[in-house]
């Protein structure tokens, strides 16, 4: 394998001069630097990444921790994150499970993005005090050392419930997600708070953020139907699509008998008929915010707490 000794011999310079040139140290004039880089390219030199990491303590790799990889949401976010991180010359690895936590103390990655409820806040704070950098997307942490970029669920709930209850409303059905989900808990608590403040009755139907759980929730909606339109907020789009699928085998229709809105403005909600009204946000904007904050923190700037803006995308599902 070609090494820097070979480059030094071919260039007629010292090993330290080659090292300075390849690592951008300004102890080498530009003409010599360009000559060394050309020689390295000509003889197909590949840097020893492990040795570089030991010296610089940097890998230029970001770990993305997820609880799971199912559903449309994770794929969209990971695709966007890959592009955003590349703008700062970072690569990423996607992790799940406790064993992958060792990447942090062993300095195999420079920083981590957390969207994994199984990665405890206590562990995040422990690694933070060891010098590791974090941006979390799924919890609020009372620490000015941890970056936080969270979906503005409060405003999203306000948008969708204001629209859903424009006409006289006696009751709203809420299809909730898993209890260990930060976004679900925020959306559910804000929905309950908003409805109670407006003296509107509600019923919570438990789901799991999956299409199948929405399908089963729809059975309860059909039983509750008494000739007047039912108003429903689904705390993600996949469960709402499950409601659509169940109603295909009934006499009830979306937009007439069941008025429903979702969250996340996913591709699934965009292709059903009528299109699902949904609270959305820009995945590309979120990923750019994450990459920008990580880069700033890795360059010794302070962590921040930011909220990702949301908007209501209208479809025909509310009639």
C-alpha atoms as a PDB file:
ATOM      1  CA  UNK A   1       0.000   0.000   0.000  1.00  0.00           C
ATOM      2  CA  UNK A   2       1.255   3.464  -0.877  1.00  0.00           C
ATOM      3  CA  UNK A   3       2.104   5.659   2.142  1.00  0.00           C
ATOM      4  CA  UNK A   4       3.430   9.159   2.745  1.00  0.00           C
ATOM      5  CA  UNK A   5       7.012   7.889   2.702  1.00  0.00           C
ATOM      6  CA  UNK A   6       6.520   6.985  -0.959  1.00  0.00           C
ATOM      7  CA  UNK A   7       5.141  10.455  -1.692  1.00  0.00           C
ATOM      8  CA  UNK A   8       8.053  12.102   0.143  1.00  0.00           C
ATOM      9  CA  UNK A   9      10.565  10.063  -1.864  1.00  0.00           C
ATOM     10  CA  UNK A  10       8.863  10.873  -5.178  1.00  0.00           C
ATOM     11  CA  UNK A  11       8.623  14.578  -4.325  1.00  0.00           C
ATOM     12  CA  UNK A  12      12.110  14.858  -2.855  1.00  0.00           C
ATOM     13  CA  UNK A  13      10.827  16.356   0.403  1.00  0.00           C
ATOM     14  CA  UNK A  14      10.544  15.279   4.026  1.00  0.00           C
ATOM     15  CA  UNK A  15       7.708  13.177   5.423  1.00  0.00           C
ATOM     16  CA  UNK A  16       6.620  16.103   7.607  1.00  0.00           C
ATOM     17  CA  UNK A  17       6.356  18.352   4.529  1.00  0.00           C
ATOM     18  CA  UNK A  18       4.071  15.794   2.853  1.00  0.00           C
ATOM     19  CA  UNK A  19       1.947  15.576   6.012  1.00  0.00           C
ATOM     20  CA  UNK A  20       1.638  19.377   6.198  1.00  0.00           C
ATOM     21  CA  UNK A  21       0.680  19.585   2.530  1.00  0.00           C
ATOM     22  CA  UNK A  22      -1.973  16.856   2.660  1.00  0.00           C
ATOM     23  CA  UNK A  23      -3.524  18.226   5.866  1.00  0.00           C
ATOM     24  CA  UNK A  24      -3.680  21.847   4.744  1.00  0.00           C
ATOM     25  CA  UNK A  25      -1.125  23.162   7.252  1.00  0.00           C
ATOM     26  CA  UNK A  26       0.212  26.536   6.101  1.00  0.00           C
ATOM     27  CA  UNK A  27       3.865  25.633   6.622  1.00  0.00           C
ATOM     28  CA  UNK A  28       4.146  24.615   2.954  1.00  0.00           C
ATOM     29  CA  UNK A  29       4.045  27.059   0.034  1.00  0.00           C
ATOM     30  CA  UNK A  30       1.220  26.614  -2.454  1.00  0.00           C
ATOM     31  CA  UNK A  31       3.436  25.493  -5.341  1.00  0.00           C
ATOM     32  CA  UNK A  32       4.956  22.678  -3.265  1.00  0.00           C
ATOM     33  CA  UNK A  33       1.558  21.734  -1.881  1.00  0.00           C
ATOM     34  CA  UNK A  34       0.041  21.358  -5.357  1.00  0.00           C
ATOM     35  CA  UNK A  35       3.021  19.273  -6.526  1.00  0.00           C
ATOM     36  CA  UNK A  36       2.683  16.924  -3.549  1.00  0.00           C
ATOM     37  CA  UNK A  37      -1.085  16.581  -4.023  1.00  0.00           C
ATOM     38  CA  UNK A  38      -0.563  15.739  -7.712  1.00  0.00           C
ATOM     39  CA  UNK A  39       2.017  13.081  -6.860  1.00  0.00           C
ATOM     40  CA  UNK A  40      -0.344  11.606  -4.231  1.00  0.00           C
ATOM     41  CA  UNK A  41      -3.107  11.423  -6.831  1.00  0.00           C
ATOM     42  CA  UNK A  42      -0.816   9.922  -9.465  1.00  0.00           C
ATOM     43  CA  UNK A  43       0.294   7.074  -7.214  1.00  0.00           C
ATOM     44  CA  UNK A  44      -3.220   6.486  -5.826  1.00  0.00           C
ATOM     45  CA  UNK A  45      -2.467   7.410  -2.226  1.00  0.00           C
ATOM     46  CA  UNK A  46      -5.338   6.673   0.185  1.00  0.00           C
ATOM     47  CA  UNK A  47      -5.099   8.429   3.587  1.00  0.00           C
ATOM     48  CA  UNK A  48      -5.065   6.251   6.687  1.00  0.00           C
ATOM     49  CA  UNK A  49      -8.350   7.354   8.185  1.00  0.00           C
ATOM     50  CA  UNK A  50      -7.759   5.672  11.538  1.00  0.00           C
ATOM     51  CA  UNK A  51      -4.398   7.352  12.027  1.00  0.00           C
ATOM     52  CA  UNK A  52      -5.852  10.729  11.074  1.00  0.00           C
ATOM     53  CA  UNK A  53      -8.651  10.265  13.601  1.00  0.00           C
ATOM     54  CA  UNK A  54      -6.194   9.488  16.394  1.00  0.00           C
ATOM     55  CA  UNK A  55      -4.362  12.740  15.708  1.00  0.00           C
ATOM     56  CA  UNK A  56      -7.247  15.103  15.049  1.00  0.00           C
ATOM     57  CA  UNK A  57      -9.888  13.433  17.263  1.00  0.00           C
ATOM     58  CA  UNK A  58     -12.322  13.997  14.367  1.00  0.00           C
ATOM     59  CA  UNK A  59     -14.011  11.475  12.099  1.00  0.00           C
ATOM     60  CA  UNK A  60     -16.352  13.768  10.140  1.00  0.00           C
ATOM     61  CA  UNK A  61     -19.043  11.134  10.778  1.00  0.00           C
ATOM     62  CA  UNK A  62     -22.381  11.859  12.466  1.00  0.00           C
ATOM     63  CA  UNK A  63     -24.424   9.087  14.095  1.00  0.00           C
ATOM     64  CA  UNK A  64     -28.198   9.197  13.576  1.00  0.00           C
ATOM     65  CA  UNK A  65     -29.966   7.226  16.318  1.00  0.00           C
ATOM     66  CA  UNK A  66     -33.493   6.004  15.498  1.00  0.00           C
ATOM     67  CA  UNK A  67     -35.882   3.835  17.486  1.00  0.00           C
ATOM     68  CA  UNK A  68     -36.813   2.000  14.274  1.00  0.00           C
ATOM     69  CA  UNK A  69     -36.742   2.458  10.515  1.00  0.00           C
ATOM     70  CA  UNK A  70     -40.353   1.706   9.641  1.00  0.00           C
ATOM     71  CA  UNK A  71     -42.703   4.063   7.859  1.00  0.00           C
ATOM     72  CA  UNK A  72     -42.331   6.740   5.242  1.00  0.00           C
ATOM     73  CA  UNK A  73     -41.167   9.452   7.642  1.00  0.00           C
ATOM     74  CA  UNK A  74     -37.735   8.017   8.490  1.00  0.00           C
ATOM     75  CA  UNK A  75     -36.734   7.512   4.858  1.00  0.00           C
ATOM     76  CA  UNK A  76     -37.605  11.104   3.973  1.00  0.00           C
ATOM     77  CA  UNK A  77     -35.683  12.471   6.945  1.00  0.00           C
ATOM     78  CA  UNK A  78     -32.579  10.343   6.335  1.00  0.00           C
ATOM     79  CA  UNK A  79     -32.436  11.268   2.643  1.00  0.00           C
ATOM     80  CA  UNK A  80     -32.637  14.955   3.532  1.00  0.00           C
ATOM     81  CA  UNK A  81     -30.085  14.654   6.356  1.00  0.00           C
ATOM     82  CA  UNK A  82     -27.569  12.974   4.063  1.00  0.00           C
ATOM     83  CA  UNK A  83     -27.734  15.910   1.642  1.00  0.00           C
ATOM     84  CA  UNK A  84     -27.607  18.557   4.392  1.00  0.00           C
ATOM     85  CA  UNK A  85     -24.635  16.979   6.185  1.00  0.00           C
ATOM     86  CA  UNK A  86     -22.691  16.659   2.940  1.00  0.00           C
ATOM     87  CA  UNK A  87     -22.787  20.463   2.633  1.00  0.00           C
ATOM     88  CA  UNK A  88     -20.494  20.549   5.678  1.00  0.00           C
ATOM     89  CA  UNK A  89     -18.441  17.542   4.496  1.00  0.00           C
ATOM     90  CA  UNK A  90     -19.900  15.167   7.084  1.00  0.00           C
ATOM     91  CA  UNK A  91     -21.026  11.624   6.449  1.00  0.00           C
ATOM     92  CA  UNK A  92     -23.551   9.743   8.549  1.00  0.00           C
ATOM     93  CA  UNK A  93     -24.224   6.305   9.932  1.00  0.00           C
ATOM     94  CA  UNK A  94     -27.699   5.228  11.057  1.00  0.00           C
ATOM     95  CA  UNK A  95     -27.859   3.376  14.375  1.00  0.00           C
ATOM     96  CA  UNK A  96     -30.364   1.670  16.621  1.00  0.00           C
ATOM     97  CA  UNK A  97     -29.866  -0.324  19.815  1.00  0.00           C
ATOM     98  CA  UNK A  98     -27.800   0.087  22.957  1.00  0.00           C
ATOM     99  CA  UNK A  99     -24.590  -1.508  21.615  1.00  0.00           C
ATOM    100  CA  UNK A 100     -24.209   1.297  19.080  1.00  0.00           C
ATOM    101  CA  UNK A 101     -24.001   3.821  21.957  1.00  0.00           C
ATOM    102  CA  UNK A 102     -20.344   2.807  22.365  1.00  0.00           C
ATOM    103  CA  UNK A 103     -19.526   4.803  19.212  1.00  0.00           C
ATOM    104  CA  UNK A 104     -19.709   7.938  21.387  1.00  0.00           C
ATOM    105  CA  UNK A 105     -17.232   7.262  24.221  1.00  0.00           C
ATOM    106  CA  UNK A 106     -14.905   5.508  21.753  1.00  0.00           C
ATOM    107  CA  UNK A 107     -14.983   8.648  19.555  1.00  0.00           C
ATOM    108  CA  UNK A 108     -15.946   6.689  16.447  1.00  0.00           C
ATOM    109  CA  UNK A 109     -18.310   9.548  15.534  1.00  0.00           C
ATOM    110  CA  UNK A 110     -18.066  13.292  16.050  1.00  0.00           C
ATOM    111  CA  UNK A 111     -21.646  13.899  17.166  1.00  0.00           C
ATOM    112  CA  UNK A 112     -25.113  12.362  17.263  1.00  0.00           C
ATOM    113  CA  UNK A 113     -28.664  13.179  16.229  1.00  0.00           C
ATOM    114  CA  UNK A 114     -31.208  11.529  18.534  1.00  0.00           C
ATOM    115  CA  UNK A 115     -34.680  10.441  17.410  1.00  0.00           C
ATOM    116  CA  UNK A 116     -34.791   7.385  19.636  1.00  0.00           C
ATOM    117  CA  UNK A 117     -36.805   7.300  22.858  1.00  0.00           C
ATOM    118  CA  UNK A 118     -34.726   4.277  23.988  1.00  0.00           C
ATOM    119  CA  UNK A 119     -31.642   6.511  24.117  1.00  0.00           C
ATOM    120  CA  UNK A 120     -32.193   7.945  27.590  1.00  0.00           C
ATOM    121  CA  UNK A 121     -31.794  11.581  28.519  1.00  0.00           C
ATOM    122  CA  UNK A 122     -29.506  10.470  31.356  1.00  0.00           C
ATOM    123  CA  UNK A 123     -27.137   8.838  28.846  1.00  0.00           C
ATOM    124  CA  UNK A 124     -27.229  11.893  26.598  1.00  0.00           C
ATOM    125  CA  UNK A 125     -26.227  14.132  29.506  1.00  0.00           C
ATOM    126  CA  UNK A 126     -23.532  11.666  30.604  1.00  0.00           C
ATOM    127  CA  UNK A 127     -21.936  11.662  27.147  1.00  0.00           C
ATOM    128  CA  UNK A 128     -22.364  15.427  26.861  1.00  0.00           C
ATOM    129  CA  UNK A 129     -20.192  15.911  29.942  1.00  0.00           C
ATOM    130  CA  UNK A 130     -17.587  13.701  28.238  1.00  0.00           C
ATOM    131  CA  UNK A 131     -17.464  16.247  25.429  1.00  0.00           C
ATOM    132  CA  UNK A 132     -19.778  14.589  22.922  1.00  0.00           C
ATOM    133  CA  UNK A 133     -22.148  16.781  20.882  1.00  0.00           C
ATOM    134  CA  UNK A 134     -25.878  16.058  20.501  1.00  0.00           C
ATOM    135  CA  UNK A 135     -28.868  17.450  18.660  1.00  0.00           C
ATOM    136  CA  UNK A 136     -32.149  15.919  19.848  1.00  0.00           C
ATOM    137  CA  UNK A 137     -35.378  15.874  17.854  1.00  0.00           C
ATOM    138  CA  UNK A 138     -37.658  13.983  20.219  1.00  0.00           C
ATOM    139  CA  UNK A 139     -37.457  15.552  23.678  1.00  0.00           C
ATOM    140  CA  UNK A 140     -36.855  18.733  25.620  1.00  0.00           C
ATOM    141  CA  UNK A 141     -33.734  18.730  27.794  1.00  0.00           C
ATOM    142  CA  UNK A 142     -32.937  21.307  30.434  1.00  0.00           C
ATOM    143  CA  UNK A 143     -29.332  21.754  29.341  1.00  0.00           C
ATOM    144  CA  UNK A 144     -27.616  24.469  27.359  1.00  0.00           C
ATOM    145  CA  UNK A 145     -25.086  21.885  26.124  1.00  0.00           C
ATOM    146  CA  UNK A 146     -27.587  19.886  24.055  1.00  0.00           C
ATOM    147  CA  UNK A 147     -28.974  21.194  20.765  1.00  0.00           C
ATOM    148  CA  UNK A 148     -32.734  20.809  20.334  1.00  0.00           C
ATOM    149  CA  UNK A 149     -34.747  21.213  17.114  1.00  0.00           C
ATOM    150  CA  UNK A 150     -38.373  20.282  17.707  1.00  0.00           C
ATOM    151  CA  UNK A 151     -41.517  20.321  15.584  1.00  0.00           C
ATOM    152  CA  UNK A 152     -43.856  23.127  16.711  1.00  0.00           C
ATOM    153  CA  UNK A 153     -46.618  20.701  17.712  1.00  0.00           C
ATOM    154  CA  UNK A 154     -48.484  23.293  19.753  1.00  0.00           C
ATOM    155  CA  UNK A 155     -49.049  25.565  16.774  1.00  0.00           C
ATOM    156  CA  UNK A 156     -49.856  22.532  14.615  1.00  0.00           C
ATOM    157  CA  UNK A 157     -52.626  21.433  16.973  1.00  0.00           C
ATOM    158  CA  UNK A 158     -54.028  24.951  17.047  1.00  0.00           C
ATOM    159  CA  UNK A 159     -54.075  25.114  13.234  1.00  0.00           C
ATOM    160  CA  UNK A 160     -55.840  21.802  12.714  1.00  0.00           C
ATOM    161  CA  UNK A 161     -58.375  22.076  15.536  1.00  0.00           C
ATOM    162  CA  UNK A 162     -59.314  25.638  14.584  1.00  0.00           C
ATOM    163  CA  UNK A 163     -60.008  24.398  11.058  1.00  0.00           C
ATOM    164  CA  UNK A 164     -61.789  21.226  12.194  1.00  0.00           C
ATOM    165  CA  UNK A 165     -64.146  23.101  14.514  1.00  0.00           C
ATOM    166  CA  UNK A 166     -64.999  26.064  12.268  1.00  0.00           C
ATOM    167  CA  UNK A 167     -68.604  24.853  12.288  1.00  0.00           C
ATOM    168  CA  UNK A 168     -70.527  23.910  15.426  1.00  0.00           C
ATOM    169  CA  UNK A 169     -68.785  21.005  17.101  1.00  0.00           C
ATOM    170  CA  UNK A 170     -69.964  18.949  20.062  1.00  0.00           C
ATOM    171  CA  UNK A 171     -67.221  16.328  20.025  1.00  0.00           C
ATOM    172  CA  UNK A 172     -63.840  15.541  18.458  1.00  0.00           C
ATOM    173  CA  UNK A 173     -62.238  12.104  18.224  1.00  0.00           C
ATOM    174  CA  UNK A 174     -58.453  11.954  18.703  1.00  0.00           C
ATOM    175  CA  UNK A 175     -56.529   8.992  17.286  1.00  0.00           C
ATOM    176  CA  UNK A 176     -53.359   8.987  19.380  1.00  0.00           C
ATOM    177  CA  UNK A 177     -50.006   7.290  18.870  1.00  0.00           C
ATOM    178  CA  UNK A 178     -47.620   5.361  21.140  1.00  0.00           C
ATOM    179  CA  UNK A 179     -47.109   6.683  24.653  1.00  0.00           C
ATOM    180  CA  UNK A 180     -43.309   6.634  24.330  1.00  0.00           C
ATOM    181  CA  UNK A 181     -43.392   9.107  21.417  1.00  0.00           C
ATOM    182  CA  UNK A 182     -42.514  12.710  22.311  1.00  0.00           C
ATOM    183  CA  UNK A 183     -44.460  14.122  19.341  1.00  0.00           C
ATOM    184  CA  UNK A 184     -47.510  12.023  20.215  1.00  0.00           C
ATOM    185  CA  UNK A 185     -47.492  13.133  23.836  1.00  0.00           C
ATOM    186  CA  UNK A 186     -47.136  16.784  22.844  1.00  0.00           C
ATOM    187  CA  UNK A 187     -49.863  16.596  20.196  1.00  0.00           C
ATOM    188  CA  UNK A 188     -52.214  14.706  22.501  1.00  0.00           C
ATOM    189  CA  UNK A 189     -51.747  16.978  25.524  1.00  0.00           C
ATOM    190  CA  UNK A 190     -52.085  20.131  23.410  1.00  0.00           C
ATOM    191  CA  UNK A 191     -55.224  18.729  21.733  1.00  0.00           C
ATOM    192  CA  UNK A 192     -56.844  17.943  25.065  1.00  0.00           C
ATOM    193  CA  UNK A 193     -55.873  21.345  26.459  1.00  0.00           C
ATOM    194  CA  UNK A 194     -57.239  23.176  23.390  1.00  0.00           C
ATOM    195  CA  UNK A 195     -60.529  21.247  23.311  1.00  0.00           C
ATOM    196  CA  UNK A 196     -61.134  21.678  27.028  1.00  0.00           C
ATOM    197  CA  UNK A 197     -60.427  25.416  26.805  1.00  0.00           C
ATOM    198  CA  UNK A 198     -63.098  25.610  24.065  1.00  0.00           C
ATOM    199  CA  UNK A 199     -65.572  23.449  26.029  1.00  0.00           C
ATOM    200  CA  UNK A 200     -65.605  20.754  23.328  1.00  0.00           C
ATOM    201  CA  UNK A 201     -66.031  17.097  24.309  1.00  0.00           C
ATOM    202  CA  UNK A 202     -63.472  14.567  23.052  1.00  0.00           C
ATOM    203  CA  UNK A 203     -62.686  10.881  22.967  1.00  0.00           C
ATOM    204  CA  UNK A 204     -59.206   9.389  22.595  1.00  0.00           C
ATOM    205  CA  UNK A 205     -58.805   6.276  20.446  1.00  0.00           C
ATOM    206  CA  UNK A 206     -55.447   4.608  21.026  1.00  0.00           C
ATOM    207  CA  UNK A 207     -53.201   3.900  18.072  1.00  0.00           C
ATOM    208  CA  UNK A 208     -49.550   3.149  17.367  1.00  0.00           C
ATOM    209  CA  UNK A 209     -48.687   5.571  14.541  1.00  0.00           C
ATOM    210  CA  UNK A 210     -49.267   2.695  12.089  1.00  0.00           C
ATOM    211  CA  UNK A 211     -51.805   2.340   9.300  1.00  0.00           C
ATOM    212  CA  UNK A 212     -53.132  -0.844  10.893  1.00  0.00           C
ATOM    213  CA  UNK A 213     -53.845   0.885  14.204  1.00  0.00           C
ATOM    214  CA  UNK A 214     -55.778   3.575  12.301  1.00  0.00           C
ATOM    215  CA  UNK A 215     -57.725   0.809  10.567  1.00  0.00           C
ATOM    216  CA  UNK A 216     -58.843  -0.571  13.955  1.00  0.00           C
ATOM    217  CA  UNK A 217     -59.628   2.900  15.293  1.00  0.00           C
ATOM    218  CA  UNK A 218     -61.940   3.392  12.297  1.00  0.00           C
ATOM    219  CA  UNK A 219     -64.087   0.493  13.506  1.00  0.00           C
ATOM    220  CA  UNK A 220     -64.836   2.494  16.650  1.00  0.00           C
ATOM    221  CA  UNK A 221     -65.628   5.589  14.581  1.00  0.00           C
ATOM    222  CA  UNK A 222     -68.134   3.667  12.482  1.00  0.00           C
ATOM    223  CA  UNK A 223     -69.837   2.397  15.653  1.00  0.00           C
ATOM    224  CA  UNK A 224     -70.039   5.960  16.966  1.00  0.00           C
ATOM    225  CA  UNK A 225     -71.549   7.353  13.753  1.00  0.00           C
ATOM    226  CA  UNK A 226     -75.200   8.395  14.207  1.00  0.00           C
ATOM    227  CA  UNK A 227     -75.976  10.261  11.002  1.00  0.00           C
ATOM    228  CA  UNK A 228     -73.978  13.426  11.710  1.00  0.00           C
ATOM    229  CA  UNK A 229     -70.370  13.935  10.489  1.00  0.00           C
ATOM    230  CA  UNK A 230     -67.723  12.816  12.956  1.00  0.00           C
ATOM    231  CA  UNK A 231     -64.737  15.115  13.406  1.00  0.00           C
ATOM    232  CA  UNK A 232     -61.391  13.400  13.851  1.00  0.00           C
ATOM    233  CA  UNK A 233     -57.788  14.471  14.419  1.00  0.00           C
ATOM    234  CA  UNK A 234     -55.242  11.738  13.748  1.00  0.00           C
ATOM    235  CA  UNK A 235     -51.882  12.483  15.367  1.00  0.00           C
ATOM    236  CA  UNK A 236     -50.044  11.219  12.319  1.00  0.00           C
ATOM    237  CA  UNK A 237     -50.972  10.608   8.676  1.00  0.00           C
ATOM    238  CA  UNK A 238     -50.424   6.845   8.612  1.00  0.00           C
ATOM    239  CA  UNK A 239     -53.240   6.217  11.087  1.00  0.00           C
ATOM    240  CA  UNK A 240     -55.503   8.533   9.089  1.00  0.00           C
ATOM    241  CA  UNK A 241     -54.792   6.481   5.968  1.00  0.00           C
ATOM    242  CA  UNK A 242     -55.821   3.388   7.946  1.00  0.00           C
ATOM    243  CA  UNK A 243     -59.196   5.074   8.537  1.00  0.00           C
ATOM    244  CA  UNK A 244     -59.527   5.659   4.781  1.00  0.00           C
ATOM    245  CA  UNK A 245     -58.798   2.000   4.095  1.00  0.00           C
ATOM    246  CA  UNK A 246     -61.388   0.717   6.578  1.00  0.00           C
ATOM    247  CA  UNK A 247     -64.111   3.015   5.260  1.00  0.00           C
ATOM    248  CA  UNK A 248     -63.715   1.553   1.767  1.00  0.00           C
ATOM    249  CA  UNK A 249     -65.768  -1.398   3.036  1.00  0.00           C
ATOM    250  CA  UNK A 250     -68.530   0.751   4.551  1.00  0.00           C
ATOM    251  CA  UNK A 251     -71.172   3.210   3.386  1.00  0.00           C
ATOM    252  CA  UNK A 252     -69.367   6.114   5.049  1.00  0.00           C
ATOM    253  CA  UNK A 253     -67.080   8.460   3.139  1.00  0.00           C
ATOM    254  CA  UNK A 254     -64.188  10.759   4.032  1.00  0.00           C
ATOM    255  CA  UNK A 255     -65.042  14.434   3.700  1.00  0.00           C
ATOM    256  CA  UNK A 256     -68.748  13.850   4.208  1.00  0.00           C
ATOM    257  CA  UNK A 257     -69.428  11.420   7.039  1.00  0.00           C
ATOM    258  CA  UNK A 258     -65.934  11.391   8.573  1.00  0.00           C
ATOM    259  CA  UNK A 259     -64.058  14.709   8.616  1.00  0.00           C
ATOM    260  CA  UNK A 260     -60.422  13.947   9.396  1.00  0.00           C
ATOM    261  CA  UNK A 261     -57.061  15.721   9.495  1.00  0.00           C
ATOM    262  CA  UNK A 262     -53.590  14.354  10.176  1.00  0.00           C
ATOM    263  CA  UNK A 263     -50.023  15.319  11.007  1.00  0.00           C
ATOM    264  CA  UNK A 264     -46.727  15.238   9.061  1.00  0.00           C
ATOM    265  CA  UNK A 265     -48.139  15.863   5.536  1.00  0.00           C
ATOM    266  CA  UNK A 266     -46.711  12.562   4.315  1.00  0.00           C
ATOM    267  CA  UNK A 267     -46.762  11.204   0.777  1.00  0.00           C
ATOM    268  CA  UNK A 268     -49.373   8.654   1.891  1.00  0.00           C
ATOM    269  CA  UNK A 269     -51.772  11.434   2.811  1.00  0.00           C
ATOM    270  CA  UNK A 270     -51.169  13.220  -0.473  1.00  0.00           C
ATOM    271  CA  UNK A 271     -52.182  10.321  -2.719  1.00  0.00           C
ATOM    272  CA  UNK A 272     -55.428   9.213  -1.029  1.00  0.00           C
ATOM    273  CA  UNK A 273     -58.782  10.521  -2.297  1.00  0.00           C
ATOM    274  CA  UNK A 274     -59.807  13.003  -1.114  1.00  0.00           C
ATOM    275  CA  UNK A 275     -56.359  14.297  -0.203  1.00  0.00           C
ATOM    276  CA  UNK A 276     -55.779  14.349   3.546  1.00  0.00           C
ATOM    277  CA  UNK A 277     -55.702  17.746   5.231  1.00  0.00           C
ATOM    278  CA  UNK A 278     -52.552  17.628   7.349  1.00  0.00           C
ATOM    279  CA  UNK A 279     -50.199  19.681   9.494  1.00  0.00           C
ATOM    280  CA  UNK A 280     -46.910  19.737   7.631  1.00  0.00           C
ATOM    281  CA  UNK A 281     -43.371  21.011   7.844  1.00  0.00           C
ATOM    282  CA  UNK A 282     -40.428  21.068   5.482  1.00  0.00           C
ATOM    283  CA  UNK A 283     -38.177  18.035   5.978  1.00  0.00           C
ATOM    284  CA  UNK A 284     -35.418  19.756   3.983  1.00  0.00           C
ATOM    285  CA  UNK A 285     -35.602  22.782   6.275  1.00  0.00           C
ATOM    286  CA  UNK A 286     -35.432  20.533   9.350  1.00  0.00           C
ATOM    287  CA  UNK A 287     -32.395  18.657   8.046  1.00  0.00           C
ATOM    288  CA  UNK A 288     -30.616  21.912   7.141  1.00  0.00           C
ATOM    289  CA  UNK A 289     -31.265  23.243  10.650  1.00  0.00           C
ATOM    290  CA  UNK A 290     -29.856  20.038  12.145  1.00  0.00           C
ATOM    291  CA  UNK A 291     -26.707  20.069  10.000  1.00  0.00           C
ATOM    292  CA  UNK A 292     -26.103  23.780  10.606  1.00  0.00           C
ATOM    293  CA  UNK A 293     -26.470  23.411  14.370  1.00  0.00           C
ATOM    294  CA  UNK A 294     -24.200  20.356  14.491  1.00  0.00           C
ATOM    295  CA  UNK A 295     -21.519  22.115  12.482  1.00  0.00           C
ATOM    296  CA  UNK A 296     -21.708  25.153  14.752  1.00  0.00           C
ATOM    297  CA  UNK A 297     -21.446  23.020  17.898  1.00  0.00           C
ATOM    298  CA  UNK A 298     -18.498  21.068  16.482  1.00  0.00           C
ATOM    299  CA  UNK A 299     -16.826  24.422  15.930  1.00  0.00           C
ATOM    300  CA  UNK A 300     -17.298  25.333  19.598  1.00  0.00           C
ATOM    301  CA  UNK A 301     -20.413  27.474  19.225  1.00  0.00           C
ATOM    302  CA  UNK A 302     -23.242  27.259  21.749  1.00  0.00           C
ATOM    303  CA  UNK A 303     -26.107  24.780  21.431  1.00  0.00           C
ATOM    304  CA  UNK A 304     -29.562  26.220  20.750  1.00  0.00           C
ATOM    305  CA  UNK A 305     -33.204  25.253  21.148  1.00  0.00           C
ATOM    306  CA  UNK A 306     -35.201  25.890  17.977  1.00  0.00           C
ATOM    307  CA  UNK A 307     -38.741  25.129  16.803  1.00  0.00           C
ATOM    308  CA  UNK A 308     -39.446  23.845  13.292  1.00  0.00           C
ATOM    309  CA  UNK A 309     -42.265  25.910  11.737  1.00  0.00           C
ATOM    310  CA  UNK A 310     -45.457  24.118  10.662  1.00  0.00           C
ATOM    311  CA  UNK A 311     -48.315  24.885   8.275  1.00  0.00           C
ATOM    312  CA  UNK A 312     -51.687  23.391   7.402  1.00  0.00           C
ATOM    313  CA  UNK A 313     -51.949  21.784   3.976  1.00  0.00           C
ATOM    314  CA  UNK A 314     -55.593  21.654   2.892  1.00  0.00           C
ATOM    315  CA  UNK A 315     -57.151  18.619   1.256  1.00  0.00           C
ATOM    316  CA  UNK A 316     -60.710  17.443   0.787  1.00  0.00           C
ATOM    317  CA  UNK A 317     -60.841  15.331   3.932  1.00  0.00           C
ATOM    318  CA  UNK A 318     -62.560  18.070   5.934  1.00  0.00           C
ATOM    319  CA  UNK A 319     -65.304  18.537   3.373  1.00  0.00           C
END
